[in-house]
Amino acid sequence: MGEAPSGRPARILFLTNTLGTGGAERQIALTVANLDPARFEPVVCCLFLGGAYLEEVRSSGVEALALGLPKRLGSAVMGARRTVRDLEPDLVHTSMFEANLAGRLAVRRAKVPVVSHATNVYDDSTRFEETPVAGWKLRGAQQVERWSARVSHAEIVAVGEAVADSAARYLGLPRE
């Protein structure tokens, strides 16, 4: 990818929950600021709040939206569908749980390819020590994530080997 069929730069919608102070958010800000504008037209969309990196993204010359939606999956899916319809991206890049699900579901009707960014080890128990989550809720989230990855034909990109191994186990997808 590097050019849309029309000859214009490929529009990539970076769909995320927020641009707060986390590592995934920082990675989005760095990535979009360093894409070749002759080949790519990035647009960042935060489903919920903007956050600390929103202005940094905008100051790099990249369009950035903060939808301010309530943090509910139904709202996220509807907001993502509307954004995909309005922006007509050539590719949707998702990051974080709600944005992964909403983005994958939004592209099904639009027939747009989707790449989901895996940034954390899914199945490490230390991940839930600060914010305990009930087992039934984790299993439900896993089932929905597995389903959305399959039906959207999402490509999953991991930040490292341990994350890739974990994502393959968690999502029930081949390691490659």
C-alpha atoms as a PDB file:
ATOM      1  CA  MET A   1       0.000   0.000   0.000  1.00  0.00           C
ATOM      2  CA  GLY A   2       1.203   3.471  -0.695  1.00  0.00           C
ATOM      3  CA  GLU A   3      -1.274   4.890  -3.123  1.00  0.00           C
ATOM      4  CA  ALA A   4      -5.023   4.691  -3.414  1.00  0.00           C
ATOM      5  CA  PRO A   5      -6.548   3.398  -6.655  1.00  0.00           C
ATOM      6  CA  SER A   6      -7.350   6.999  -7.629  1.00  0.00           C
ATOM      7  CA  GLY A   7      -3.658   7.948  -7.590  1.00  0.00           C
ATOM      8  CA  ARG A   8      -3.976  10.036  -4.433  1.00  0.00           C
ATOM      9  CA  PRO A   9      -2.085   9.161  -1.239  1.00  0.00           C
ATOM     10  CA  ALA A  10      -3.619   6.201   0.597  1.00  0.00           C
ATOM     11  CA  ARG A  11      -5.914   7.428   3.378  1.00  0.00           C
ATOM     12  CA  ILE A  12      -5.282   5.484   6.588  1.00  0.00           C
ATOM     13  CA  LEU A  13      -7.745   5.858   9.441  1.00  0.00           C
ATOM     14  CA  PHE A  14      -5.988   5.279  12.765  1.00  0.00           C
ATOM     15  CA  LEU A  15      -8.856   4.357  15.061  1.00  0.00           C
ATOM     16  CA  THR A  16      -8.130   4.310  18.783  1.00  0.00           C
ATOM     17  CA  ASN A  17      -9.889   4.746  22.102  1.00  0.00           C
ATOM     18  CA  THR A  18      -7.942   7.839  23.123  1.00  0.00           C
ATOM     19  CA  LEU A  19      -4.610   9.576  22.696  1.00  0.00           C
ATOM     20  CA  GLY A  20      -3.801   9.526  26.417  1.00  0.00           C
ATOM     21  CA  THR A  21      -0.313   9.079  27.843  1.00  0.00           C
ATOM     22  CA  GLY A  22       0.147   5.351  27.189  1.00  0.00           C
ATOM     23  CA  GLY A  23       2.626   3.588  24.960  1.00  0.00           C
ATOM     24  CA  ALA A  24       0.109   2.645  22.254  1.00  0.00           C
ATOM     25  CA  GLU A  25      -1.047   6.250  22.058  1.00  0.00           C
ATOM     26  CA  ARG A  26       2.526   7.531  21.815  1.00  0.00           C
ATOM     27  CA  GLN A  27       3.227   5.008  19.048  1.00  0.00           C
ATOM     28  CA  ILE A  28       0.288   6.316  17.014  1.00  0.00           C
ATOM     29  CA  ALA A  29       1.485   9.910  17.419  1.00  0.00           C
ATOM     30  CA  LEU A  30       5.008   8.984  16.307  1.00  0.00           C
ATOM     31  CA  THR A  31       3.821   6.844  13.407  1.00  0.00           C
ATOM     32  CA  VAL A  32       1.446   9.351  11.827  1.00  0.00           C
ATOM     33  CA  ALA A  33       3.936  12.200  12.201  1.00  0.00           C
ATOM     34  CA  ASN A  34       6.542  10.234  10.267  1.00  0.00           C
ATOM     35  CA  LEU A  35       4.521   8.847   7.363  1.00  0.00           C
ATOM     36  CA  ASP A  36       5.445  10.083   3.895  1.00  0.00           C
ATOM     37  CA  PRO A  37       2.659  12.553   2.983  1.00  0.00           C
ATOM     38  CA  ALA A  38       3.252  11.897  -0.718  1.00  0.00           C
ATOM     39  CA  ARG A  39       2.198   8.270  -0.147  1.00  0.00           C
ATOM     40  CA  PHE A  40      -0.074   8.339   2.913  1.00  0.00           C
ATOM     41  CA  GLU A  41      -2.818  10.547   4.295  1.00  0.00           C
ATOM     42  CA  PRO A  42      -3.250   9.580   7.943  1.00  0.00           C
ATOM     43  CA  VAL A  43      -6.313  10.597   9.931  1.00  0.00           C
ATOM     44  CA  VAL A  44      -6.505   9.796  13.649  1.00  0.00           C
ATOM     45  CA  CYS A  45      -9.867   9.245  15.293  1.00  0.00           C
ATOM     46  CA  CYS A  46     -10.289   8.855  19.054  1.00  0.00           C
ATOM     47  CA  LEU A  47     -13.597   7.201  19.823  1.00  0.00           C
ATOM     48  CA  PHE A  48     -13.751   8.567  23.350  1.00  0.00           C
ATOM     49  CA  LEU A  49     -11.486  11.353  24.670  1.00  0.00           C
ATOM     50  CA  GLY A  50      -8.643  13.077  22.871  1.00  0.00           C
ATOM     51  CA  GLY A  51      -5.869  13.016  25.449  1.00  0.00           C
ATOM     52  CA  ALA A  52      -2.332  14.293  25.811  1.00  0.00           C
ATOM     53  CA  TYR A  53      -1.117  13.363  22.310  1.00  0.00           C
ATOM     54  CA  LEU A  54      -4.061  14.838  20.378  1.00  0.00           C
ATOM     55  CA  GLU A  55      -2.465  18.270  19.947  1.00  0.00           C
ATOM     56  CA  GLU A  56       0.905  16.701  19.132  1.00  0.00           C
ATOM     57  CA  VAL A  57      -0.725  14.787  16.286  1.00  0.00           C
ATOM     58  CA  ARG A  58      -2.489  17.910  15.042  1.00  0.00           C
ATOM     59  CA  SER A  59       0.690  20.003  15.264  1.00  0.00           C
ATOM     60  CA  SER A  60       2.423  17.466  13.014  1.00  0.00           C
ATOM     61  CA  GLY A  61      -0.128  18.377  10.330  1.00  0.00           C
ATOM     62  CA  VAL A  62      -2.282  15.267  10.721  1.00  0.00           C
ATOM     63  CA  GLU A  63      -6.046  15.533  11.033  1.00  0.00           C
ATOM     64  CA  ALA A  64      -7.158  14.247  14.443  1.00  0.00           C
ATOM     65  CA  LEU A  65     -10.721  13.834  15.679  1.00  0.00           C
ATOM     66  CA  ALA A  66     -12.007  13.153  19.180  1.00  0.00           C
ATOM     67  CA  LEU A  67     -15.593  11.908  18.976  1.00  0.00           C
ATOM     68  CA  GLY A  68     -16.228  12.127  22.731  1.00  0.00           C
ATOM     69  CA  LEU A  69     -18.520   9.077  22.670  1.00  0.00           C
ATOM     70  CA  PRO A  70     -19.681   7.341  25.848  1.00  0.00           C
ATOM     71  CA  LYS A  71     -17.374   4.400  26.596  1.00  0.00           C
ATOM     72  CA  ARG A  72     -19.791   1.716  25.440  1.00  0.00           C
ATOM     73  CA  LEU A  73     -19.202  -0.788  22.682  1.00  0.00           C
ATOM     74  CA  GLY A  74     -22.444   0.031  20.840  1.00  0.00           C
ATOM     75  CA  SER A  75     -21.571   3.723  20.719  1.00  0.00           C
ATOM     76  CA  ALA A  76     -18.039   2.892  19.580  1.00  0.00           C
ATOM     77  CA  VAL A  77     -19.253   0.683  16.728  1.00  0.00           C
ATOM     78  CA  MET A  78     -21.757   3.284  15.510  1.00  0.00           C
ATOM     79  CA  GLY A  79     -19.126   6.040  15.737  1.00  0.00           C
ATOM     80  CA  ALA A  80     -16.577   3.926  13.878  1.00  0.00           C
ATOM     81  CA  ARG A  81     -19.076   3.058  11.125  1.00  0.00           C
ATOM     82  CA  ARG A  82     -19.986   6.712  10.686  1.00  0.00           C
ATOM     83  CA  THR A  83     -16.307   7.724  10.579  1.00  0.00           C
ATOM     84  CA  VAL A  84     -15.416   5.017   8.045  1.00  0.00           C
ATOM     85  CA  ARG A  85     -18.394   6.044   5.901  1.00  0.00           C
ATOM     86  CA  ASP A  86     -17.518   9.761   6.091  1.00  0.00           C
ATOM     87  CA  LEU A  87     -13.753   9.481   5.584  1.00  0.00           C
ATOM     88  CA  GLU A  88     -13.728   6.611   3.069  1.00  0.00           C
ATOM     89  CA  PRO A  89     -10.310   5.311   4.139  1.00  0.00           C
ATOM     90  CA  ASP A  90      -8.274   2.857   2.090  1.00  0.00           C
ATOM     91  CA  LEU A  91      -7.159   1.109   5.288  1.00  0.00           C
ATOM     92  CA  VAL A  92      -8.277   1.161   8.921  1.00  0.00           C
ATOM     93  CA  HIS A  93      -5.620   0.694  11.599  1.00  0.00           C
ATOM     94  CA  THR A  94      -7.034  -0.081  15.051  1.00  0.00           C
ATOM     95  CA  SER A  95      -5.468   0.014  18.487  1.00  0.00           C
ATOM     96  CA  MET A  96      -6.957  -0.856  21.915  1.00  0.00           C
ATOM     97  CA  PHE A  97      -9.843  -3.149  22.802  1.00  0.00           C
ATOM     98  CA  GLU A  98     -12.931  -1.060  21.967  1.00  0.00           C
ATOM     99  CA  ALA A  99     -11.346   0.479  18.862  1.00  0.00           C
ATOM    100  CA  ASN A 100     -10.228  -2.975  17.682  1.00  0.00           C
ATOM    101  CA  LEU A 101     -13.759  -4.329  17.940  1.00  0.00           C
ATOM    102  CA  ALA A 102     -15.495  -1.212  16.617  1.00  0.00           C
ATOM    103  CA  GLY A 103     -13.069  -0.813  13.715  1.00  0.00           C
ATOM    104  CA  ARG A 104     -13.274  -4.460  12.708  1.00  0.00           C
ATOM    105  CA  LEU A 105     -17.069  -4.374  12.740  1.00  0.00           C
ATOM    106  CA  ALA A 106     -17.203  -1.019  10.930  1.00  0.00           C
ATOM    107  CA  VAL A 107     -15.158  -2.250   7.974  1.00  0.00           C
ATOM    108  CA  ARG A 108     -17.236  -5.373   7.362  1.00  0.00           C
ATOM    109  CA  ARG A 109     -19.911  -3.449   5.468  1.00  0.00           C
ATOM    110  CA  ALA A 110     -17.486  -0.986   3.921  1.00  0.00           C
ATOM    111  CA  LYS A 111     -15.183  -3.744   2.611  1.00  0.00           C
ATOM    112  CA  VAL A 112     -12.096  -1.860   3.791  1.00  0.00           C
ATOM    113  CA  PRO A 113      -9.000  -3.788   4.944  1.00  0.00           C
ATOM    114  CA  VAL A 114      -8.212  -3.565   8.650  1.00  0.00           C
ATOM    115  CA  VAL A 115      -4.998  -3.961  10.616  1.00  0.00           C
ATOM    116  CA  SER A 116      -5.186  -4.288  14.401  1.00  0.00           C
ATOM    117  CA  HIS A 117      -2.178  -3.391  16.492  1.00  0.00           C
ATOM    118  CA  ALA A 118      -1.457  -5.757  19.402  1.00  0.00           C
ATOM    119  CA  THR A 119       0.556  -3.820  21.969  1.00  0.00           C
ATOM    120  CA  ASN A 120       0.162  -5.874  25.158  1.00  0.00           C
ATOM    121  CA  VAL A 121       0.490  -9.473  26.217  1.00  0.00           C
ATOM    122  CA  TYR A 122      -3.124 -10.641  26.432  1.00  0.00           C
ATOM    123  CA  ASP A 123      -2.779 -13.528  28.854  1.00  0.00           C
ATOM    124  CA  ASP A 124      -0.349 -12.297  31.501  1.00  0.00           C
ATOM    125  CA  SER A 125      -2.029 -12.304  34.918  1.00  0.00           C
ATOM    126  CA  THR A 126      -0.032  -9.255  36.039  1.00  0.00           C
ATOM    127  CA  ARG A 127      -1.959  -7.253  33.468  1.00  0.00           C
ATOM    128  CA  PHE A 128      -5.073  -7.464  35.643  1.00  0.00           C
ATOM    129  CA  GLU A 129      -3.541  -6.894  39.084  1.00  0.00           C
ATOM    130  CA  GLU A 130      -4.205  -3.141  39.125  1.00  0.00           C
ATOM    131  CA  THR A 131      -7.658  -3.434  37.595  1.00  0.00           C
ATOM    132  CA  PRO A 132      -9.201  -6.811  38.419  1.00  0.00           C
ATOM    133  CA  VAL A 133     -11.688  -8.078  35.842  1.00  0.00           C
ATOM    134  CA  ALA A 134     -14.172 -10.877  36.452  1.00  0.00           C
ATOM    135  CA  GLY A 135     -13.359 -14.151  34.681  1.00  0.00           C
ATOM    136  CA  TRP A 136     -16.690 -14.229  32.828  1.00  0.00           C
ATOM    137  CA  LYS A 137     -16.024 -10.746  31.486  1.00  0.00           C
ATOM    138  CA  LEU A 138     -12.550 -11.717  30.259  1.00  0.00           C
ATOM    139  CA  ARG A 139     -13.911 -14.814  28.526  1.00  0.00           C
ATOM    140  CA  GLY A 140     -16.670 -12.783  26.870  1.00  0.00           C
ATOM    141  CA  ALA A 141     -14.188 -10.170  25.681  1.00  0.00           C
ATOM    142  CA  GLN A 142     -11.953 -12.896  24.293  1.00  0.00           C
ATOM    143  CA  GLN A 143     -14.806 -14.522  22.388  1.00  0.00           C
ATOM    144  CA  VAL A 144     -15.886 -11.219  20.855  1.00  0.00           C
ATOM    145  CA  GLU A 145     -12.292 -10.343  19.924  1.00  0.00           C
ATOM    146  CA  ARG A 146     -11.753 -13.756  18.308  1.00  0.00           C
ATOM    147  CA  TRP A 147     -14.991 -13.466  16.357  1.00  0.00           C
ATOM    148  CA  SER A 148     -14.316  -9.903  15.172  1.00  0.00           C
ATOM    149  CA  ALA A 149     -10.784 -10.764  14.046  1.00  0.00           C
ATOM    150  CA  ARG A 150     -12.072 -13.713  12.003  1.00  0.00           C
ATOM    151  CA  VAL A 151     -15.088 -12.070  10.360  1.00  0.00           C
ATOM    152  CA  SER A 152     -13.222  -8.888   9.457  1.00  0.00           C
ATOM    153  CA  HIS A 153     -10.190 -10.799   8.129  1.00  0.00           C
ATOM    154  CA  ALA A 154      -8.075  -8.422  10.205  1.00  0.00           C
ATOM    155  CA  GLU A 155      -4.330  -8.566   9.968  1.00  0.00           C
ATOM    156  CA  ILE A 156      -2.845  -8.470  13.457  1.00  0.00           C
ATOM    157  CA  VAL A 157       0.491  -6.709  13.905  1.00  0.00           C
ATOM    158  CA  ALA A 158       2.315  -7.234  17.209  1.00  0.00           C
ATOM    159  CA  VAL A 159       4.975  -5.008  18.736  1.00  0.00           C
ATOM    160  CA  GLY A 160       7.201  -7.949  19.654  1.00  0.00           C
ATOM    161  CA  GLU A 161       7.590 -11.707  19.759  1.00  0.00           C
ATOM    162  CA  ALA A 162       5.987 -12.213  23.196  1.00  0.00           C
ATOM    163  CA  VAL A 163       2.985 -10.109  22.177  1.00  0.00           C
ATOM    164  CA  ALA A 164       2.689 -12.025  18.884  1.00  0.00           C
ATOM    165  CA  ASP A 165       2.734 -15.379  20.709  1.00  0.00           C
ATOM    166  CA  SER A 166       0.143 -14.151  23.195  1.00  0.00           C
ATOM    167  CA  ALA A 167      -2.096 -12.667  20.486  1.00  0.00           C
ATOM    168  CA  ALA A 168      -2.036 -15.922  18.513  1.00  0.00           C
ATOM    169  CA  ARG A 169      -3.109 -17.887  21.590  1.00  0.00           C
ATOM    170  CA  TYR A 170      -5.700 -15.345  22.728  1.00  0.00           C
ATOM    171  CA  LEU A 171      -7.265 -14.742  19.308  1.00  0.00           C
ATOM    172  CA  GLY A 172      -6.985 -18.345  18.151  1.00  0.00           C
ATOM    173  CA  LEU A 173      -5.168 -17.278  14.991  1.00  0.00           C
ATOM    174  CA  PRO A 174      -2.130 -18.767  13.272  1.00  0.00           C
ATOM    175  CA  ARG A 175       1.128 -17.262  14.609  1.00  0.00           C
ATOM    176  CA  GLU A 176       2.104 -15.812  11.241  1.00  0.00           C
END
